C-alpha atoms as a PDB file:
ATOM      1  CA  MET A   1     170.819 118.496 188.389  1.00  0.00           C
ATOM      2  CA  ASN A   2     174.511 118.015 187.867  1.00  0.00           C
ATOM      3  CA  GLU A   3     175.697 120.925 190.037  1.00  0.00           C
ATOM      4  CA  GLN A   4     175.613 119.136 193.384  1.00  0.00           C
ATOM      5  CA  LEU A   5     177.907 116.425 192.068  1.00  0.00           C
ATOM      6  CA  PRO A   6     181.484 116.320 193.345  1.00  0.00           C
ATOM      7  CA  LYS A   7     184.244 117.132 190.845  1.00  0.00           C
ATOM      8  CA  THR A   8     186.399 114.162 191.828  1.00  0.00           C
ATOM      9  CA  MET A   9     185.814 110.627 193.070  1.00  0.00           C
ATOM     10  CA  LYS A  10     187.728 107.703 194.503  1.00  0.00           C
ATOM     11  CA  ALA A  11     188.672 104.788 192.232  1.00  0.00           C
ATOM     12  CA  ALA A  12     190.346 101.467 193.111  1.00  0.00           C
ATOM     13  CA  VAL A  13     192.905 101.041 190.312  1.00  0.00           C
ATOM     14  CA  MET A  14     195.010  97.955 189.494  1.00  0.00           C
ATOM     15  CA  PRO A  15     198.339  99.343 188.152  1.00  0.00           C
ATOM     16  CA  LYS A  16     199.653  95.785 187.828  1.00  0.00           C
ATOM     17  CA  PRO A  17     198.372  92.323 188.802  1.00  0.00           C
ATOM     18  CA  GLY A  18     198.344  91.774 192.552  1.00  0.00           C
ATOM     19  CA  THR A  19     198.214  95.465 193.472  1.00  0.00           C
ATOM     20  CA  ILE A  20     195.283  97.852 193.998  1.00  0.00           C
ATOM     21  CA  VAL A  21     195.857 101.550 194.703  1.00  0.00           C
ATOM     22  CA  MET A  22     193.308 104.244 195.527  1.00  0.00           C
ATOM     23  CA  GLU A  23     193.282 107.224 193.147  1.00  0.00           C
ATOM     24  CA  GLU A  24     191.345 110.477 192.880  1.00  0.00           C
ATOM     25  CA  ARG A  25     189.784 110.690 189.427  1.00  0.00           C
ATOM     26  CA  PRO A  26     187.466 113.259 187.836  1.00  0.00           C
ATOM     27  CA  VAL A  27     183.783 112.325 188.037  1.00  0.00           C
ATOM     28  CA  PRO A  28     183.059 111.368 184.397  1.00  0.00           C
ATOM     29  CA  GLN A  29     181.073 113.724 182.179  1.00  0.00           C
ATOM     30  CA  VAL A  30     177.753 112.259 181.052  1.00  0.00           C
ATOM     31  CA  GLY A  31     177.222 111.869 177.275  1.00  0.00           C
ATOM     32  CA  GLU A  32     173.893 112.748 175.693  1.00  0.00           C
ATOM     33  CA  ASN A  33     172.681 109.111 175.616  1.00  0.00           C
ATOM     34  CA  GLU A  34     174.295 108.191 178.915  1.00  0.00           C
ATOM     35  CA  VAL A  35     173.464 108.185 182.593  1.00  0.00           C
ATOM     36  CA  LEU A  36     175.861 108.872 185.453  1.00  0.00           C
ATOM     37  CA  ILE A  37     175.516 106.262 188.180  1.00  0.00           C
ATOM     38  CA  LYS A  38     176.494 106.566 191.826  1.00  0.00           C
ATOM     39  CA  VAL A  39     177.767 103.001 192.332  1.00  0.00           C
ATOM     40  CA  MET A  40     176.302 101.466 195.487  1.00  0.00           C
ATOM     41  CA  ALA A  41     177.329  97.779 195.373  1.00  0.00           C
ATOM     42  CA  VAL A  42     179.819  95.738 193.331  1.00  0.00           C
ATOM     43  CA  GLY A  43     180.223  91.972 193.609  1.00  0.00           C
ATOM     44  CA  ILE A  44     183.639  90.378 193.110  1.00  0.00           C
ATOM     45  CA  CYS A  45     183.532  87.864 190.268  1.00  0.00           C
ATOM     46  CA  GLY A  46     185.890  85.054 189.295  1.00  0.00           C
ATOM     47  CA  SER A  47     187.083  87.108 186.329  1.00  0.00           C
ATOM     48  CA  ASP A  48     188.092  90.006 188.623  1.00  0.00           C
ATOM     49  CA  VAL A  49     190.130  87.524 190.663  1.00  0.00           C
ATOM     50  CA  HIS A  50     191.744  86.083 187.479  1.00  0.00           C
ATOM     51  CA  TYR A  51     192.829  89.510 186.258  1.00  0.00           C
ATOM     52  CA  TYR A  52     194.087  90.417 189.732  1.00  0.00           C
ATOM     53  CA  GLU A  53     196.096  87.192 190.063  1.00  0.00           C
ATOM     54  CA  ASN A  54     197.216  86.524 186.476  1.00  0.00           C
ATOM     55  CA  GLY A  55     196.683  89.726 184.480  1.00  0.00           C
ATOM     56  CA  ARG A  56     194.885  87.922 181.679  1.00  0.00           C
ATOM     57  CA  ILE A  57     191.964  85.699 180.674  1.00  0.00           C
ATOM     58  CA  GLY A  58     192.486  84.063 177.284  1.00  0.00           C
ATOM     59  CA  ARG A  59     192.982  86.782 174.678  1.00  0.00           C
ATOM     60  CA  PHE A  60     192.188  89.599 177.127  1.00  0.00           C
ATOM     61  CA  VAL A  61     195.423  90.876 178.663  1.00  0.00           C
ATOM     62  CA  VAL A  62     195.944  93.689 181.192  1.00  0.00           C
ATOM     63  CA  GLU A  63     198.485  95.973 179.504  1.00  0.00           C
ATOM     64  CA  LYS A  64     197.861  99.237 181.375  1.00  0.00           C
ATOM     65  CA  PRO A  65     196.302 100.210 184.721  1.00  0.00           C
ATOM     66  CA  ILE A  66     192.687  99.051 184.893  1.00  0.00           C
ATOM     67  CA  ILE A  67     189.713  99.339 187.247  1.00  0.00           C
ATOM     68  CA  LEU A  68     188.087  95.961 187.917  1.00  0.00           C
ATOM     69  CA  GLY A  69     184.485  95.128 188.909  1.00  0.00           C
ATOM     70  CA  HIS A  70     181.442  94.511 186.705  1.00  0.00           C
ATOM     71  CA  GLU A  71     178.651  93.078 188.898  1.00  0.00           C
ATOM     72  CA  CYS A  72     177.129  96.383 189.897  1.00  0.00           C
ATOM     73  CA  ALA A  73     174.087  98.442 190.800  1.00  0.00           C
ATOM     74  CA  GLY A  74     173.502 102.001 191.898  1.00  0.00           C
ATOM     75  CA  MET A  75     171.503 105.212 191.725  1.00  0.00           C
ATOM     76  CA  ILE A  76     171.207 107.618 188.788  1.00  0.00           C
ATOM     77  CA  ALA A  77     173.091 110.822 189.667  1.00  0.00           C
ATOM     78  CA  ALA A  78     172.759 112.680 186.335  1.00  0.00           C
ATOM     79  CA  VAL A  79     171.210 112.076 182.898  1.00  0.00           C
ATOM     80  CA  GLY A  80     172.358 113.073 179.409  1.00  0.00           C
ATOM     81  CA  ALA A  81     170.386 115.494 177.251  1.00  0.00           C
ATOM     82  CA  ALA A  82     168.837 112.738 175.094  1.00  0.00           C
ATOM     83  CA  VAL A  83     167.993 110.323 177.943  1.00  0.00           C
ATOM     84  CA  SER A  84     164.252 109.653 178.162  1.00  0.00           C
ATOM     85  CA  ARG A  85     163.829 106.568 180.345  1.00  0.00           C
ATOM     86  CA  PHE A  86     165.440 107.640 183.619  1.00  0.00           C
ATOM     87  CA  ASN A  87     165.477 110.417 186.188  1.00  0.00           C
ATOM     88  CA  VAL A  88     167.962 111.401 188.861  1.00  0.00           C
ATOM     89  CA  GLY A  89     167.388 109.232 191.943  1.00  0.00           C
ATOM     90  CA  ASP A  90     166.222 106.109 190.080  1.00  0.00           C
ATOM     91  CA  ARG A  91     167.649 102.843 191.461  1.00  0.00           C
ATOM     92  CA  VAL A  92     169.086 100.601 188.750  1.00  0.00           C
ATOM     93  CA  ALA A  93     170.895  97.369 187.912  1.00  0.00           C
ATOM     94  CA  ILE A  94     173.688  97.801 185.375  1.00  0.00           C
ATOM     95  CA  GLU A  95     174.234  95.392 182.484  1.00  0.00           C
ATOM     96  CA  PRO A  96     177.997  95.690 182.018  1.00  0.00           C
ATOM     97  CA  GLY A  97     178.456  95.000 178.283  1.00  0.00           C
ATOM     98  CA  VAL A  98     177.773  97.930 175.934  1.00  0.00           C
ATOM     99  CA  THR A  99     177.300  96.511 172.432  1.00  0.00           C
ATOM    100  CA  CYS A 100     177.318  98.231 169.040  1.00  0.00           C
ATOM    101  CA  GLY A 101     173.691  97.470 168.109  1.00  0.00           C
ATOM    102  CA  ARG A 102     174.565  97.299 164.417  1.00  0.00           C
ATOM    103  CA  CYS A 103     176.476  94.068 163.725  1.00  0.00           C
ATOM    104  CA  SER A 104     174.805  90.804 162.666  1.00  0.00           C
ATOM    105  CA  ALA A 105     175.072  89.348 166.210  1.00  0.00           C
ATOM    106  CA  CYS A 106     173.327  92.405 167.685  1.00  0.00           C
ATOM    107  CA  LYS A 107     170.683  92.339 164.916  1.00  0.00           C
ATOM    108  CA  GLU A 108     169.975  88.650 165.642  1.00  0.00           C
ATOM    109  CA  GLY A 109     169.435  89.425 169.333  1.00  0.00           C
ATOM    110  CA  ARG A 110     172.642  87.564 170.250  1.00  0.00           C
ATOM    111  CA  TYR A 111     174.393  90.753 171.247  1.00  0.00           C
ATOM    112  CA  ASN A 112     176.618  88.895 173.745  1.00  0.00           C
ATOM    113  CA  LEU A 113     178.543  87.827 170.627  1.00  0.00           C
ATOM    114  CA  CYS A 114     179.054  91.433 169.397  1.00  0.00           C
ATOM    115  CA  PRO A 115     182.733  91.722 168.389  1.00  0.00           C
ATOM    116  CA  ASP A 116     182.840  95.359 169.501  1.00  0.00           C
ATOM    117  CA  VAL A 117     181.358  94.950 172.973  1.00  0.00           C
ATOM    118  CA  GLN A 118     182.776  97.287 175.631  1.00  0.00           C
ATOM    119  CA  PHE A 119     182.520  95.115 178.740  1.00  0.00           C
ATOM    120  CA  LEU A 120     183.271  96.609 182.145  1.00  0.00           C
ATOM    121  CA  ALA A 121     186.573  95.403 183.647  1.00  0.00           C
ATOM    122  CA  THR A 122     187.580  93.519 180.497  1.00  0.00           C
ATOM    123  CA  PRO A 123     190.832  95.068 179.222  1.00  0.00           C
ATOM    124  CA  PRO A 124     191.122  97.833 178.194  1.00  0.00           C
ATOM    125  CA  VAL A 125     187.685  98.938 179.563  1.00  0.00           C
ATOM    126  CA  ASP A 126     187.558 100.233 183.154  1.00  0.00           C
ATOM    127  CA  GLY A 127     185.039  98.717 185.532  1.00  0.00           C
ATOM    128  CA  ALA A 128     182.916  99.584 188.553  1.00  0.00           C
ATOM    129  CA  PHE A 129     185.261  99.853 191.559  1.00  0.00           C
ATOM    130  CA  VAL A 130     184.604 103.613 191.438  1.00  0.00           C
ATOM    131  CA  GLN A 131     182.194 105.988 193.132  1.00  0.00           C
ATOM    132  CA  TYR A 132     180.649 107.173 189.845  1.00  0.00           C
ATOM    133  CA  MET A 133     180.502 105.741 186.328  1.00  0.00           C
ATOM    134  CA  THR A 134     178.730 106.522 183.065  1.00  0.00           C
ATOM    135  CA  ILE A 135     177.024 104.013 180.784  1.00  0.00           C
ATOM    136  CA  ARG A 136     174.580 104.173 177.878  1.00  0.00           C
ATOM    137  CA  GLU A 137     170.992 104.368 179.110  1.00  0.00           C
ATOM    138  CA  ASP A 138     169.863 101.148 177.390  1.00  0.00           C
ATOM    139  CA  MET A 139     172.286  99.180 179.609  1.00  0.00           C
ATOM    140  CA  VAL A 140     170.557 100.104 182.874  1.00  0.00           C
ATOM    141  CA  PHE A 141     167.342  98.632 184.252  1.00  0.00           C
ATOM    142  CA  PRO A 142     165.063  99.951 187.000  1.00  0.00           C
ATOM    143  CA  ILE A 143     164.783  97.899 190.168  1.00  0.00           C
ATOM    144  CA  PRO A 144     161.869  97.929 192.623  1.00  0.00           C
ATOM    145  CA  ASP A 145     162.306  99.688 195.970  1.00  0.00           C
ATOM    146  CA  HIS A 146     162.346  96.443 197.963  1.00  0.00           C
ATOM    147  CA  LEU A 147     165.228  94.935 195.955  1.00  0.00           C
ATOM    148  CA  THR A 148     168.600  95.711 197.540  1.00  0.00           C
ATOM    149  CA  TYR A 149     171.540  97.036 195.530  1.00  0.00           C
ATOM    150  CA  GLU A 150     173.404  93.830 196.414  1.00  0.00           C
ATOM    151  CA  GLU A 151     170.663  91.663 194.918  1.00  0.00           C
ATOM    152  CA  ALA A 152     170.558  93.883 191.835  1.00  0.00           C
ATOM    153  CA  ALA A 153     174.338  93.456 191.434  1.00  0.00           C
ATOM    154  CA  LEU A 154     173.861  89.675 191.639  1.00  0.00           C
ATOM    155  CA  ASN A 155     171.594  89.894 188.592  1.00  0.00           C
ATOM    156  CA  GLU A 156     174.842  89.793 186.591  1.00  0.00           C
ATOM    157  CA  PRO A 157     175.950  86.253 187.575  1.00  0.00           C
ATOM    158  CA  PHE A 158     172.266  85.250 187.714  1.00  0.00           C
ATOM    159  CA  SER A 159     171.968  86.306 184.075  1.00  0.00           C
ATOM    160  CA  VAL A 160     174.615  83.724 183.129  1.00  0.00           C
ATOM    161  CA  GLY A 161     172.397  81.004 184.621  1.00  0.00           C
ATOM    162  CA  ILE A 162     169.273  82.387 182.939  1.00  0.00           C
ATOM    163  CA  HIS A 163     171.080  82.448 179.591  1.00  0.00           C
ATOM    164  CA  ALA A 164     172.269  78.853 180.126  1.00  0.00           C
ATOM    165  CA  ALA A 165     168.724  77.752 180.988  1.00  0.00           C
ATOM    166  CA  LYS A 166     167.351  79.459 177.868  1.00  0.00           C
ATOM    167  CA  ARG A 167     170.119  78.020 175.649  1.00  0.00           C
ATOM    168  CA  CYS A 168     169.410  74.405 176.648  1.00  0.00           C
ATOM    169  CA  ARG A 169     165.655  74.967 177.033  1.00  0.00           C
ATOM    170  CA  VAL A 170     165.151  73.906 180.633  1.00  0.00           C
ATOM    171  CA  GLN A 171     161.468  73.009 180.962  1.00  0.00           C
ATOM    172  CA  PRO A 172     159.378  72.370 184.069  1.00  0.00           C
ATOM    173  CA  GLY A 173     160.141  68.821 185.182  1.00  0.00           C
ATOM    174  CA  THR A 174     163.716  68.782 183.818  1.00  0.00           C
ATOM    175  CA  THR A 175     166.497  67.093 185.814  1.00  0.00           C
ATOM    176  CA  VAL A 176     169.633  69.249 185.909  1.00  0.00           C
ATOM    177  CA  ALA A 177     173.111  68.526 187.296  1.00  0.00           C
ATOM    178  CA  ILE A 178     175.356  71.533 187.983  1.00  0.00           C
ATOM    179  CA  MET A 179     179.068  71.006 188.611  1.00  0.00           C
ATOM    180  CA  GLY A 180     180.811  73.633 190.741  1.00  0.00           C
ATOM    181  CA  MET A 181     179.112  75.812 193.358  1.00  0.00           C
ATOM    182  CA  GLY A 182     181.036  79.047 193.104  1.00  0.00           C
ATOM    183  CA  PRO A 183     178.908  82.200 192.854  1.00  0.00           C
ATOM    184  CA  VAL A 184     178.015  81.551 189.190  1.00  0.00           C
ATOM    185  CA  GLY A 185     177.117  77.930 189.989  1.00  0.00           C
ATOM    186  CA  LEU A 186     174.970  78.995 192.945  1.00  0.00           C
ATOM    187  CA  MET A 187     173.091  81.532 190.832  1.00  0.00           C
ATOM    188  CA  ALA A 188     172.765  78.848 188.119  1.00  0.00           C
ATOM    189  CA  VAL A 189     170.916  76.709 190.681  1.00  0.00           C
ATOM    190  CA  ALA A 190     168.534  79.622 191.273  1.00  0.00           C
ATOM    191  CA  ALA A 191     168.053  79.976 187.500  1.00  0.00           C
ATOM    192  CA  ALA A 192     167.336  76.268 186.987  1.00  0.00           C
ATOM    193  CA  LYS A 193     164.812  76.430 189.830  1.00  0.00           C
ATOM    194  CA  SER A 194     163.210  79.582 188.373  1.00  0.00           C
ATOM    195  CA  PHE A 195     162.747  77.780 185.050  1.00  0.00           C
ATOM    196  CA  GLY A 196     160.959  74.901 186.788  1.00  0.00           C
ATOM    197  CA  ALA A 197     163.619  72.165 186.978  1.00  0.00           C
ATOM    198  CA  SER A 198     162.198  69.483 189.257  1.00  0.00           C
ATOM    199  CA  ARG A 199     165.487  67.939 190.349  1.00  0.00           C
ATOM    200  CA  ILE A 200     168.708  69.928 190.681  1.00  0.00           C
ATOM    201  CA  ILE A 201     171.751  67.835 191.616  1.00  0.00           C
ATOM    202  CA  VAL A 202     174.924  69.760 192.438  1.00  0.00           C
ATOM    203  CA  THR A 203     178.566  68.928 193.107  1.00  0.00           C
ATOM    204  CA  ASP A 204     181.388  70.753 194.877  1.00  0.00           C
ATOM    205  CA  LEU A 205     184.388  70.177 197.157  1.00  0.00           C
ATOM    206  CA  GLU A 206     183.307  72.659 199.846  1.00  0.00           C
ATOM    207  CA  GLN A 207     180.513  71.884 202.304  1.00  0.00           C
ATOM    208  CA  VAL A 208     179.658  75.589 202.834  1.00  0.00           C
ATOM    209  CA  ARG A 209     178.930  75.907 199.109  1.00  0.00           C
ATOM    210  CA  LEU A 210     176.787  72.775 199.037  1.00  0.00           C
ATOM    211  CA  GLU A 211     174.732  74.129 201.946  1.00  0.00           C
ATOM    212  CA  ALA A 212     174.309  77.418 200.064  1.00  0.00           C
ATOM    213  CA  ALA A 213     173.203  75.433 196.992  1.00  0.00           C
ATOM    214  CA  ARG A 214     170.417  73.862 199.055  1.00  0.00           C
ATOM    215  CA  ARG A 215     169.239  77.360 200.019  1.00  0.00           C
ATOM    216  CA  MET A 216     169.233  78.287 196.314  1.00  0.00           C
ATOM    217  CA  GLY A 217     167.040  75.299 195.444  1.00  0.00           C
ATOM    218  CA  ALA A 218     169.286  72.247 194.937  1.00  0.00           C
ATOM    219  CA  THR A 219     167.410  69.031 195.682  1.00  0.00           C
ATOM    220  CA  HIS A 220     170.525  66.807 196.026  1.00  0.00           C
ATOM    221  CA  VAL A 221     174.111  67.770 196.903  1.00  0.00           C
ATOM    222  CA  ILE A 222     177.232  65.686 196.281  1.00  0.00           C
ATOM    223  CA  ASN A 223     180.545  66.393 198.011  1.00  0.00           C
ATOM    224  CA  VAL A 224     183.047  65.067 195.473  1.00  0.00           C
ATOM    225  CA  ARG A 225     185.671  64.693 198.211  1.00  0.00           C
ATOM    226  CA  GLU A 226     183.475  61.979 199.716  1.00  0.00           C
ATOM    227  CA  GLU A 227     181.606  60.273 196.888  1.00  0.00           C
ATOM    228  CA  ASP A 228     181.822  59.599 193.165  1.00  0.00           C
ATOM    229  CA  ALA A 229     179.550  62.091 191.406  1.00  0.00           C
ATOM    230  CA  ILE A 230     178.726  59.938 188.359  1.00  0.00           C
ATOM    231  CA  GLU A 231     177.839  56.904 190.515  1.00  0.00           C
ATOM    232  CA  ARG A 232     175.655  59.013 192.796  1.00  0.00           C
ATOM    233  CA  ILE A 233     173.871  60.692 189.862  1.00  0.00           C
ATOM    234  CA  GLN A 234     173.200  57.267 188.324  1.00  0.00           C
ATOM    235  CA  GLN A 235     171.686  56.160 191.649  1.00  0.00           C
ATOM    236  CA  LEU A 236     169.540  59.288 191.912  1.00  0.00           C
ATOM    237  CA  THR A 237     168.214  58.913 188.353  1.00  0.00           C
ATOM    238  CA  GLY A 238     167.580  55.186 188.408  1.00  0.00           C
ATOM    239  CA  GLY A 239     170.543  54.543 186.117  1.00  0.00           C
ATOM    240  CA  VAL A 240     169.234  56.859 183.397  1.00  0.00           C
ATOM    241  CA  GLY A 241     171.273  60.051 183.860  1.00  0.00           C
ATOM    242  CA  VAL A 242     170.199  63.703 183.887  1.00  0.00           C
ATOM    243  CA  ASP A 243     168.498  65.657 181.097  1.00  0.00           C
ATOM    244  CA  THR A 244     171.085  68.419 181.165  1.00  0.00           C
ATOM    245  CA  ALA A 245     174.424  68.960 182.928  1.00  0.00           C
ATOM    246  CA  TRP A 246     176.105  72.334 183.401  1.00  0.00           C
ATOM    247  CA  GLU A 247     179.785  72.817 184.165  1.00  0.00           C
ATOM    248  CA  THR A 248     180.226  76.175 185.883  1.00  0.00           C
ATOM    249  CA  ALA A 249     183.665  75.934 187.510  1.00  0.00           C
ATOM    250  CA  GLY A 250     186.043  75.742 184.531  1.00  0.00           C
ATOM    251  CA  ASN A 251     187.375  72.459 185.895  1.00  0.00           C
ATOM    252  CA  PRO A 252     188.392  69.747 183.334  1.00  0.00           C
ATOM    253  CA  LYS A 253     187.435  66.841 185.615  1.00  0.00           C
ATOM    254  CA  ALA A 254     184.061  68.464 186.364  1.00  0.00           C
ATOM    255  CA  LEU A 255     183.416  68.852 182.615  1.00  0.00           C
ATOM    256  CA  GLN A 256     184.111  65.161 182.041  1.00  0.00           C
ATOM    257  CA  THR A 257     181.872  64.276 184.986  1.00  0.00           C
ATOM    258  CA  ALA A 258     179.104  66.494 183.585  1.00  0.00           C
ATOM    259  CA  LEU A 259     179.287  64.710 180.221  1.00  0.00           C
ATOM    260  CA  HIS A 260     179.115  61.239 181.759  1.00  0.00           C
ATOM    261  CA  SER A 261     176.216  62.150 184.046  1.00  0.00           C
ATOM    262  CA  LEU A 262     173.901  62.686 181.033  1.00  0.00           C
ATOM    263  CA  ARG A 263     171.118  60.458 179.822  1.00  0.00           C
ATOM    264  CA  ARG A 264     171.074  59.411 176.180  1.00  0.00           C
ATOM    265  CA  GLY A 265     170.081  62.480 174.148  1.00  0.00           C
ATOM    266  CA  GLY A 266     171.095  64.762 177.015  1.00  0.00           C
ATOM    267  CA  LYS A 267     172.561  68.276 176.860  1.00  0.00           C
ATOM    268  CA  LEU A 268     175.982  69.411 178.043  1.00  0.00           C
ATOM    269  CA  VAL A 269     176.239  73.115 178.888  1.00  0.00           C
ATOM    270  CA  ILE A 270     179.717  74.655 179.190  1.00  0.00           C
ATOM    271  CA  VAL A 271     179.636  77.791 181.356  1.00  0.00           C
ATOM    272  CA  GLY A 272     182.997  77.734 183.158  1.00  0.00           C
ATOM    273  CA  LEU A 273     186.200  78.765 181.389  1.00  0.00           C
ATOM    274  CA  PRO A 274     189.097  76.364 182.081  1.00  0.00           C
ATOM    275  CA  ALA A 275     192.686  77.582 182.291  1.00  0.00           C
ATOM    276  CA  GLN A 276     193.711  75.396 179.341  1.00  0.00           C
ATOM    277  CA  ASP A 277     192.303  75.459 175.805  1.00  0.00           C
ATOM    278  CA  GLU A 278     191.881  71.734 175.222  1.00  0.00           C
ATOM    279  CA  ILE A 279     190.268  69.088 177.424  1.00  0.00           C
ATOM    280  CA  PRO A 280     189.862  65.425 176.414  1.00  0.00           C
ATOM    281  CA  LEU A 281     186.183  64.443 176.036  1.00  0.00           C
ATOM    282  CA  ASN A 282     184.861  61.012 175.127  1.00  0.00           C
ATOM    283  CA  VAL A 283     183.799  61.528 171.503  1.00  0.00           C
ATOM    284  CA  PRO A 284     182.259  58.053 170.975  1.00  0.00           C
ATOM    285  CA  PHE A 285     180.107  58.697 174.083  1.00  0.00           C
ATOM    286  CA  ILE A 286     179.002  62.063 172.624  1.00  0.00           C
ATOM    287  CA  ALA A 287     178.151  60.544 169.230  1.00  0.00           C
ATOM    288  CA  ASP A 288     176.605  57.307 170.516  1.00  0.00           C
ATOM    289  CA  ASN A 289     174.343  59.196 172.934  1.00  0.00           C
ATOM    290  CA  GLU A 290     173.585  62.131 170.594  1.00  0.00           C
ATOM    291  CA  VAL A 291     174.710  64.616 173.220  1.00  0.00           C
ATOM    292  CA  ASP A 292     174.015  68.282 172.404  1.00  0.00           C
ATOM    293  CA  ILE A 293     176.795  70.643 173.526  1.00  0.00           C
ATOM    294  CA  TYR A 294     176.062  74.303 174.287  1.00  0.00           C
ATOM    295  CA  GLY A 295     178.695  76.954 174.848  1.00  0.00           C
ATOM    296  CA  VAL A 296     177.584  79.841 177.057  1.00  0.00           C
ATOM    297  CA  PHE A 297     179.221  83.264 176.749  1.00  0.00           C
ATOM    298  CA  ARG A 298     177.835  85.800 179.216  1.00  0.00           C
ATOM    299  CA  TYR A 299     174.133  86.445 178.376  1.00  0.00           C
ATOM    300  CA  ALA A 300     171.716  88.419 176.245  1.00  0.00           C
ATOM    301  CA  ASN A 301     168.200  89.720 176.932  1.00  0.00           C
ATOM    302  CA  THR A 302     168.183  88.431 180.511  1.00  0.00           C
ATOM    303  CA  TYR A 303     168.220  91.501 182.773  1.00  0.00           C
ATOM    304  CA  PRO A 304     164.472  92.286 183.026  1.00  0.00           C
ATOM    305  CA  MET A 305     163.647  88.610 183.624  1.00  0.00           C
ATOM    306  CA  GLY A 306     166.399  88.323 186.243  1.00  0.00           C
ATOM    307  CA  ILE A 307     165.172  91.382 188.119  1.00  0.00           C
ATOM    308  CA  GLU A 308     161.647  89.957 188.104  1.00  0.00           C
ATOM    309  CA  PHE A 309     162.808  86.596 189.492  1.00  0.00           C
ATOM    310  CA  LEU A 310     164.954  88.302 192.159  1.00  0.00           C
ATOM    311  CA  ALA A 311     162.165  90.707 193.131  1.00  0.00           C
ATOM    312  CA  SER A 312     159.686  87.826 193.535  1.00  0.00           C
ATOM    313  CA  GLY A 313     161.302  86.901 196.862  1.00  0.00           C
ATOM    314  CA  THR A 314     161.665  83.202 195.978  1.00  0.00           C
ATOM    315  CA  ILE A 315     165.483  83.319 195.786  1.00  0.00           C
ATOM    316  CA  ASP A 316     167.511  83.786 198.977  1.00  0.00           C
ATOM    317  CA  THR A 317     170.342  85.756 197.337  1.00  0.00           C
ATOM    318  CA  MET A 318     171.213  87.869 200.379  1.00  0.00           C
ATOM    319  CA  SER A 319     172.425  84.737 202.183  1.00  0.00           C
ATOM    320  CA  LEU A 320     175.179  84.395 199.568  1.00  0.00           C
ATOM    321  CA  ILE A 321     176.828  87.667 200.634  1.00  0.00           C
ATOM    322  CA  THR A 322     179.420  86.616 203.202  1.00  0.00           C
ATOM    323  CA  ASP A 323     181.909  89.508 203.134  1.00  0.00           C
ATOM    324  CA  ARG A 324     181.510  93.290 202.849  1.00  0.00           C
ATOM    325  CA  TYR A 325     184.239  95.876 202.221  1.00  0.00           C
ATOM    326  CA  PRO A 326     184.428  99.617 201.535  1.00  0.00           C
ATOM    327  CA  LEU A 327     186.113 100.761 198.303  1.00  0.00           C
ATOM    328  CA  ALA A 328     189.362 101.594 200.141  1.00  0.00           C
ATOM    329  CA  GLN A 329     189.684  97.879 200.989  1.00  0.00           C
ATOM    330  CA  THR A 330     189.177  96.527 197.462  1.00  0.00           C
ATOM    331  CA  GLN A 331     192.544  94.730 197.579  1.00  0.00           C
ATOM    332  CA  GLU A 332     191.581  93.012 200.849  1.00  0.00           C
ATOM    333  CA  ALA A 333     188.236  92.066 199.283  1.00  0.00           C
ATOM    334  CA  LEU A 334     189.978  90.423 196.303  1.00  0.00           C
ATOM    335  CA  GLU A 335     192.410  88.597 198.592  1.00  0.00           C
ATOM    336  CA  ARG A 336     189.472  87.381 200.677  1.00  0.00           C
ATOM    337  CA  ALA A 337     187.751  85.989 197.566  1.00  0.00           C
ATOM    338  CA  ILE A 338     190.968  84.157 196.590  1.00  0.00           C
ATOM    339  CA  HIS A 339     191.989  82.703 199.944  1.00  0.00           C
ATOM    340  CA  ASN A 340     188.738  81.921 201.742  1.00  0.00           C
ATOM    341  CA  LYS A 341     187.163  79.375 199.396  1.00  0.00           C
ATOM    342  CA  SER A 342     185.836  77.304 202.276  1.00  0.00           C
ATOM    343  CA  GLY A 343     184.092  80.261 203.942  1.00  0.00           C
ATOM    344  CA  SER A 344     183.349  83.061 201.469  1.00  0.00           C
ATOM    345  CA  LEU A 345     180.616  82.858 198.869  1.00  0.00           C
ATOM    346  CA  LYS A 346     180.121  86.375 197.473  1.00  0.00           C
ATOM    347  CA  VAL A 347     182.373  89.260 198.451  1.00  0.00           C
ATOM    348  CA  MET A 348     180.747  92.698 198.022  1.00  0.00           C
ATOM    349  CA  VAL A 349     182.388  96.125 197.743  1.00  0.00           C
ATOM    350  CA  TYR A 350     180.526  99.369 198.584  1.00  0.00           C
ATOM    351  CA  PRO A 351     182.097 102.339 196.732  1.00  0.00           C
ATOM    352  CA  ASN A 352     180.037 105.037 198.448  1.00  0.00           C
ATOM    353  CA  GLU A 353     180.158 103.915 202.072  1.00  0.00           C
END
């Protein structure tokens, strides 16, 4: 099986922040519990952009050359000796965080909190802007023939929304406000809709993103350049507030808006990571209204459900893909994601085209 494989492959490497260079690297050898994947589509995520611009996110610092990219899907090109679930040629979505499986977090099923997770494109682990990559077989999931590689790659940001919905127990009939319509926010709208939220109110500064949110299932959109989000949400809910509010942009003002849009007994869900560690929140409001606060870190046990939702055809994910680049233009793709906020939604890189 492995003989037809090339010996070397192209990789888009970041030697230092702000620079991507193309390198020839050996095609990785597949371990006995691993699969080798021919990478077909990689979405650019906010974290890729952060590392490219700043070289760090919180405690994760780029100290040596790294390959970015973690929203990915592809085709199995080789299987290890002990692999039982996959064959060469299978189309798969890749869950990018390989966990230890032995710690208390993994045992509890909250493996996103595993302290030893090896997460693609999180220093020092290389990511998916490569033609081939290996990963343990339990981190890949089959996708149906009609699901595109791009949609399968979007299962990664979609999983964040699914995890958020599960954490705060979105039920059919729930009213949800989501602040920030970047790619994670847009997929969060799709997740809230998939879980049966009856009203989904969203905010953003960019009209193109609000229009995309409508396609994803938002029932009301608020351009915060033009109107006060809290006032508008109060109007839309008859002065009551929403059941749950998600902040997905990492914006301090949006987090405060999310809090104050809640009904009494509502739930605040923090998805976005702000640049600063501390943000003032109205503690008497939180206590007086018995607000529940949920932190969301990546996701756990979401990939099969996400693939099912995406394969159902009810979510128009392909309309989110606004820009497409070959691997050789990874730097241009990252620059596009940074500088075209008013036009680009999801930028996609194709390592094998």
